[in-house]
Protein backbone atom coordinates (compact mmCIF):
# COMPACT_ATOMS: atom_id res chain seq x y z
CA MET A 1 20.11 8.40 -50.56
CA VAL A 2 17.30 9.17 -48.09
CA SER A 3 17.01 12.74 -49.24
CA ALA A 4 16.77 11.59 -52.85
CA ASN A 5 13.87 9.24 -52.03
CA PHE A 6 12.12 11.96 -50.07
CA ARG A 7 12.58 14.45 -52.93
CA HIS A 8 11.13 11.91 -55.36
CA LEU A 9 8.07 11.29 -53.12
CA ALA A 10 7.60 15.01 -52.55
CA SER A 11 7.71 15.71 -56.27
CA LEU A 12 5.13 13.00 -56.91
CA VAL A 13 2.76 14.44 -54.30
CA SER A 14 3.29 18.06 -55.32
CA GLY A 15 3.06 17.15 -59.01
CA GLY A 16 -0.35 15.60 -58.43
CA GLN A 17 0.71 12.11 -59.45
CA ILE A 18 -0.10 10.75 -55.94
CA SER A 19 -3.09 12.27 -54.20
CA ALA A 20 -3.34 12.66 -50.45
CA LEU A 21 -6.10 10.05 -50.37
CA LYS A 22 -3.82 7.40 -51.87
CA CYS A 23 -0.64 8.31 -50.02
CA PRO A 24 0.19 5.86 -47.22
CA THR A 25 1.51 8.67 -44.99
CA PHE A 26 -1.74 10.66 -45.09
CA HIS A 27 -4.66 9.07 -43.28
CA THR A 28 -7.34 11.56 -44.06
CA ARG A 29 -9.64 8.99 -45.63
CA ASP A 30 -9.65 6.98 -42.36
CA TRP A 31 -10.56 10.00 -40.18
CA HIS A 32 -14.30 9.65 -40.78
CA GLN A 33 -14.14 5.96 -39.94
CA PHE A 34 -12.14 6.72 -36.79
CA GLU A 35 -14.54 9.50 -35.79
CA GLU A 36 -17.57 7.24 -36.25
CA LEU A 37 -15.97 4.54 -34.07
CA MET A 38 -14.90 6.98 -31.35
CA LYS A 39 -18.32 8.58 -30.79
CA PRO A 40 -19.93 5.47 -29.24
CA THR A 41 -16.70 4.58 -27.41
CA LEU A 42 -16.45 8.03 -25.82
CA LEU A 43 -20.14 7.94 -24.95
CA PHE A 44 -19.69 4.54 -23.26
CA VAL A 45 -16.63 5.73 -21.27
CA LEU A 46 -18.50 8.87 -20.20
CA ILE A 47 -21.52 6.84 -19.01
CA VAL A 48 -19.27 4.44 -17.05
CA LEU A 49 -17.39 7.31 -15.39
CA LEU A 50 -20.54 9.20 -14.45
CA GLY A 51 -22.19 6.01 -13.23
CA SER A 52 -19.31 5.32 -10.88
CA CYS A 53 -19.53 8.74 -9.22
CA GLU A 54 -21.32 9.03 -5.88
CA LEU A 55 -23.76 11.85 -5.40
CA THR A 56 -23.29 13.76 -2.16
CA SER A 57 -25.29 16.39 -0.34
CA ASN A 58 -24.45 19.05 2.21
CA LYS A 59 -25.88 16.90 5.01
CA THR A 60 -22.87 14.57 4.95
CA THR A 61 -20.61 17.23 6.45
CA GLU A 62 -22.53 17.16 9.73
CA PRO A 63 -22.35 14.01 11.84
CA ASN A 64 -25.69 12.29 11.59
CA GLU A 65 -27.54 10.50 14.36
CA GLU A 66 -26.50 7.09 13.07
CA ALA A 67 -22.79 8.00 13.25
CA LYS A 68 -23.23 9.43 16.77
CA HIS A 69 -25.09 6.28 17.84
CA SER A 70 -22.36 4.08 16.33
CA GLU A 71 -19.63 6.03 18.18
CA LYS A 72 -21.59 5.75 21.45
CA ASN A 73 -22.01 2.00 20.95
CA GLN A 74 -18.30 1.59 20.21
CA ILE A 75 -17.34 3.36 23.45
CA ASP A 76 -20.00 1.49 25.41
CA GLU A 77 -18.78 -1.84 24.00
CA ARG A 78 -15.23 -1.07 25.12
CA LEU A 79 -16.47 0.04 28.54
CA ILE A 80 -18.71 -2.96 29.17
CA GLY A 81 -16.96 -5.84 30.89
CA GLU A 82 -14.72 -6.53 33.87
CA TRP A 83 -11.95 -4.09 34.76
CA GLY A 84 -9.29 -4.12 37.43
CA ILE A 85 -8.61 -0.81 39.20
CA TYR A 86 -4.81 -0.88 39.23
CA ALA A 87 -3.98 2.61 40.47
CA HIS A 88 -5.53 5.57 42.24
CA ILE A 89 -3.73 8.86 41.72
CA VAL A 90 -4.37 12.04 43.75
CA ASN A 91 -2.31 15.19 43.05
CA GLU A 92 0.25 13.11 41.10
CA ALA A 93 0.80 10.75 44.07
CA GLY A 94 -0.29 7.26 43.09
CA TRP A 95 -1.15 4.06 44.90
CA ASN A 96 -0.78 0.76 43.12
CA CYS A 97 -2.61 -2.16 44.57
CA ASN A 98 -1.47 -5.71 45.18
CA VAL A 99 -4.99 -7.12 45.29
CA CYS A 100 -7.00 -4.78 43.09
CA PRO A 101 -10.69 -4.00 43.27
CA ARG A 102 -12.63 -5.25 40.24
CA ILE A 103 -15.51 -3.44 38.59
CA VAL A 104 -17.92 -4.87 36.03
CA PHE A 105 -19.82 -2.45 33.79
CA ASP A 106 -22.89 -4.10 32.32
CA GLY A 107 -25.14 -3.16 29.39
CA SER A 108 -27.98 -2.01 31.67
CA ASN A 109 -25.92 0.94 32.94
CA MET A 110 -25.12 -0.71 36.25
CA ALA A 111 -21.66 -1.47 37.61
CA THR A 112 -20.67 -3.81 40.41
CA LEU A 113 -17.40 -3.15 42.23
CA THR A 114 -15.86 -6.03 44.19
CA LEU A 115 -13.37 -4.98 46.84
CA PRO A 116 -10.41 -7.21 47.83
CA SER A 117 -12.33 -8.11 51.00
CA GLY A 118 -15.15 -9.54 48.85
CA ASP A 119 -17.58 -6.73 49.71
CA LYS A 120 -19.59 -5.44 46.76
CA GLU A 121 -20.74 -1.96 45.83
CA VAL A 122 -23.28 -1.14 43.13
CA TYR A 123 -23.11 1.96 40.95
CA GLU A 124 -25.23 3.44 38.19
CA TRP A 125 -23.38 4.78 35.17
CA SER A 126 -24.11 6.79 32.06
CA ARG A 127 -21.94 8.32 29.40
CA SER A 128 -22.01 11.20 26.96
CA ALA A 129 -19.14 11.72 24.53
CA ASN A 130 -15.97 11.01 26.54
CA LYS A 131 -17.60 11.62 29.96
CA LEU A 132 -18.63 8.84 32.33
CA LYS A 133 -20.99 9.67 35.18
CA ILE A 134 -20.81 7.25 38.12
CA ILE A 135 -23.25 7.37 41.03
CA PHE A 136 -23.18 5.07 44.07
CA ALA A 137 -26.44 3.13 44.33
CA GLY A 138 -25.99 2.02 47.93
CA ASP A 139 -27.13 3.55 51.22
CA ASN A 140 -23.86 4.87 52.68
CA LYS A 141 -22.13 7.10 50.10
CA ALA A 142 -19.39 8.03 52.57
CA GLU A 143 -18.02 4.49 52.43
CA SER A 144 -18.10 4.07 48.64
CA TYR A 145 -14.81 3.36 46.86
CA LEU A 146 -15.51 5.55 43.82
CA ILE A 147 -16.52 9.20 44.14
CA ASP A 148 -19.93 10.15 42.72
CA SER A 149 -18.92 12.37 39.85
CA GLN A 150 -18.52 12.83 36.14
CA TYR A 151 -15.19 11.40 34.99
CA GLU A 152 -13.35 12.13 31.78
CA MET A 153 -12.65 8.83 30.00
CA LYS A 154 -9.51 8.12 28.02
CA PHE A 155 -9.03 4.70 26.43
CA ASP A 156 -5.53 3.53 25.55
CA GLN A 157 -5.19 0.27 23.59
CA GLN A 158 -2.00 -1.51 24.67
CA GLU A 159 -0.59 -4.69 23.15
CA LYS A 160 -2.06 -7.04 25.77
CA PHE A 161 -4.77 -4.94 27.46
CA ILE A 162 -6.94 -1.85 27.25
CA GLU A 163 -6.27 0.88 29.77
CA LEU A 164 -8.99 3.28 30.82
CA VAL A 165 -8.08 6.44 32.71
CA LEU A 166 -10.96 8.02 34.61
CA SER A 167 -10.01 11.59 35.52
CA LEU A 168 -11.68 14.09 37.81
CA PRO A 169 -11.09 17.84 37.55
CA GLU A 170 -9.64 17.80 41.10
CA ASN A 171 -6.41 16.10 39.92
CA GLU A 172 -7.67 12.65 40.81
CA GLN A 173 -7.51 9.61 38.54
CA TYR A 174 -8.35 5.93 38.55
CA ILE A 175 -6.41 3.66 36.19
CA LEU A 176 -8.43 0.62 35.04
CA ARG A 177 -7.31 -2.26 32.82
CA LYS A 178 -8.92 -5.19 31.11
């Protein structure tokens, strides 16, 4: 039955009784209308896509001064505040304290260390990248708690506190927490 209907339709088309323009299966007459509608639509889509792209330059591959300044401020913000010095480690032998010294790093690059006895020591500090330079600002350096040196800083965010490990090249570390 289907093949008979198809043969009949094919004979009408091939016999010229139904032209391609009138045949419902051939849409050639609508192609020009479709093409005319698609040109502005494609142009609109192209403009939207190009407008949403971000232009970049080669300078973005190098860290700029603003990014360096932001990183420095982030580290400084984490450093600033009151810390407890919970452990002192020398050659892998550590001492934990019961009453820990406290050190406060302030925004003016000064630090005040309060010993368990209540005595205070003042230090100057500066940082570059992950290095922290600490220098005793008092008169008698021999009696200072912290060694004047450049420490490597390593922050470790724990669930309830931030831990800061200050390491010296001579296998000496101070573990601070806040």
